[in-house]
Amino acid sequence: MKRLYDKETDNPSLKSTQDLIKTIPLAYKQLLKEVFKPYGFNGFKLADLTPNLTRRAQCVNWLLWYRAEVFGKNMEQLKREKEGKEEEKKEKEEKEKNWTPPQINLT
């Protein structure tokens, strides 16, 4: 009988969960806490975490992100949103690049 957290058993699950988590945008990494806080969830205690519980929480976080940002949209809508976000990012970079500090006249 294999142990519960045997590396041979655990590695495929670990790799697939890591790949899944990489697809979540940074702004949504704490979505699990944000969504469930009104229901009394304050996060996990480090002493209570196990590899399985951690992966389950990560998968739930991905599902919450998917529901919030992707579910119910067709591919054209998603492409337009992505293009809009890229344009906003370019505009923001341009503003930052062209920013000059205010000039103070001390005379």
Protein backbone atom coordinates (compact mmCIF):
# COMPACT_ATOMS: atom_id res chain seq x y z
CA MET A 1 0.00 0.00 0.00
CA LYS A 2 1.34 3.44 -0.94
CA ARG A 3 1.70 6.21 1.58
CA LEU A 4 -0.69 9.14 1.30
CA TYR A 5 1.95 11.67 0.19
CA ASP A 6 4.33 9.42 -1.70
CA LYS A 7 6.28 11.47 -4.26
CA GLU A 8 5.46 9.01 -7.04
CA THR A 9 1.74 9.32 -6.33
CA ASP A 10 1.76 13.01 -5.56
CA ASN A 11 3.90 14.40 -8.39
CA PRO A 12 1.39 14.25 -11.30
CA SER A 13 -1.23 16.02 -9.19
CA LEU A 14 1.29 18.60 -8.03
CA LYS A 15 2.41 19.42 -11.58
CA SER A 16 -1.12 19.74 -12.96
CA THR A 17 -2.20 21.99 -10.09
CA GLN A 18 0.86 24.21 -10.55
CA ASP A 19 0.08 24.56 -14.25
CA LEU A 20 -3.53 25.43 -13.45
CA ILE A 21 -2.56 28.08 -10.90
CA LYS A 22 -0.21 29.78 -13.39
CA THR A 23 -3.23 30.65 -15.53
CA ILE A 24 -4.87 32.77 -12.80
CA PRO A 25 -4.07 36.50 -13.14
CA LEU A 26 -2.26 37.99 -10.15
CA ALA A 27 -5.24 40.18 -9.23
CA TYR A 28 -7.32 37.04 -8.56
CA LYS A 29 -4.85 35.02 -6.47
CA GLN A 30 -6.68 35.86 -3.20
CA LEU A 31 -10.18 35.39 -4.61
CA LEU A 32 -10.96 32.46 -2.31
CA LYS A 33 -10.56 34.66 0.77
CA GLU A 34 -12.45 37.58 -0.77
CA VAL A 35 -15.45 35.51 -1.85
CA PHE A 36 -15.83 33.49 1.34
CA LYS A 37 -14.95 36.16 3.93
CA PRO A 38 -18.64 37.23 4.30
CA TYR A 39 -19.37 33.62 5.30
CA GLY A 40 -16.82 33.60 8.11
CA PHE A 41 -13.78 32.24 6.24
CA ASN A 42 -10.62 34.01 7.37
CA GLY A 43 -8.08 31.90 5.52
CA PHE A 44 -6.14 28.80 6.45
CA LYS A 45 -3.90 28.28 9.43
CA LEU A 46 -0.43 27.09 8.48
CA ALA A 47 -0.61 24.19 10.95
CA ASP A 48 -3.79 22.88 9.28
CA LEU A 49 -2.46 22.79 5.72
CA THR A 50 -1.71 19.54 3.97
CA PRO A 51 -0.68 19.12 0.34
CA ASN A 52 -4.16 17.89 -0.59
CA LEU A 53 -5.95 20.75 1.18
CA THR A 54 -3.64 23.28 -0.45
CA ARG A 55 -4.30 21.89 -3.91
CA ARG A 56 -8.03 21.77 -3.33
CA ALA A 57 -8.00 25.43 -2.26
CA GLN A 58 -5.97 26.36 -5.35
CA CYS A 59 -8.43 24.54 -7.61
CA VAL A 60 -11.39 26.28 -5.94
CA ASN A 61 -9.62 29.60 -6.44
CA TRP A 62 -9.23 28.79 -10.15
CA LEU A 63 -12.92 27.88 -10.40
CA LEU A 64 -13.92 31.17 -8.76
CA TRP A 65 -11.72 33.10 -11.20
CA TYR A 66 -13.18 31.17 -14.13
CA ARG A 67 -16.73 31.87 -12.96
CA ALA A 68 -15.99 35.56 -12.49
CA GLU A 69 -14.04 36.27 -15.67
CA VAL A 70 -14.60 33.57 -18.29
CA PHE A 71 -17.84 31.66 -17.77
CA GLY A 72 -20.64 32.56 -20.16
CA LYS A 73 -18.45 34.51 -22.58
CA ASN A 74 -17.67 33.44 -26.10
CA MET A 75 -14.20 33.52 -27.62
CA GLU A 76 -14.80 36.83 -29.43
CA GLN A 77 -15.76 38.58 -26.19
CA LEU A 78 -12.67 37.21 -24.44
CA LYS A 79 -10.42 38.36 -27.30
CA ARG A 80 -11.92 41.88 -27.22
CA GLU A 81 -11.43 42.10 -23.46
CA LYS A 82 -7.83 40.97 -23.79
CA GLU A 83 -7.14 43.52 -26.53
CA GLY A 84 -8.72 46.25 -24.40
CA LYS A 85 -6.55 45.34 -21.43
CA GLU A 86 -3.44 45.36 -23.62
CA GLU A 87 -4.32 48.82 -24.95
CA GLU A 88 -4.88 50.13 -21.41
CA LYS A 89 -1.51 48.72 -20.39
CA LYS A 90 0.22 50.40 -23.34
CA GLU A 91 -1.45 53.74 -22.54
CA LYS A 92 -0.39 53.47 -18.91
CA GLU A 93 3.20 52.69 -19.93
CA GLU A 94 3.22 55.69 -22.28
CA LYS A 95 1.98 58.00 -19.52
CA GLU A 96 4.66 56.70 -17.15
CA LYS A 97 7.36 57.03 -19.81
CA ASN A 98 6.40 60.62 -20.64
CA TRP A 99 5.94 61.72 -17.03
CA THR A 100 8.07 64.59 -15.85
CA PRO A 101 8.23 65.92 -12.33
CA PRO A 102 6.52 69.27 -11.69
CA GLN A 103 8.77 72.28 -12.11
CA ILE A 104 9.05 74.54 -9.09
CA ASN A 105 10.01 78.15 -9.66
CA LEU A 106 11.79 79.50 -6.58
CA THR A 107 12.44 83.00 -7.89
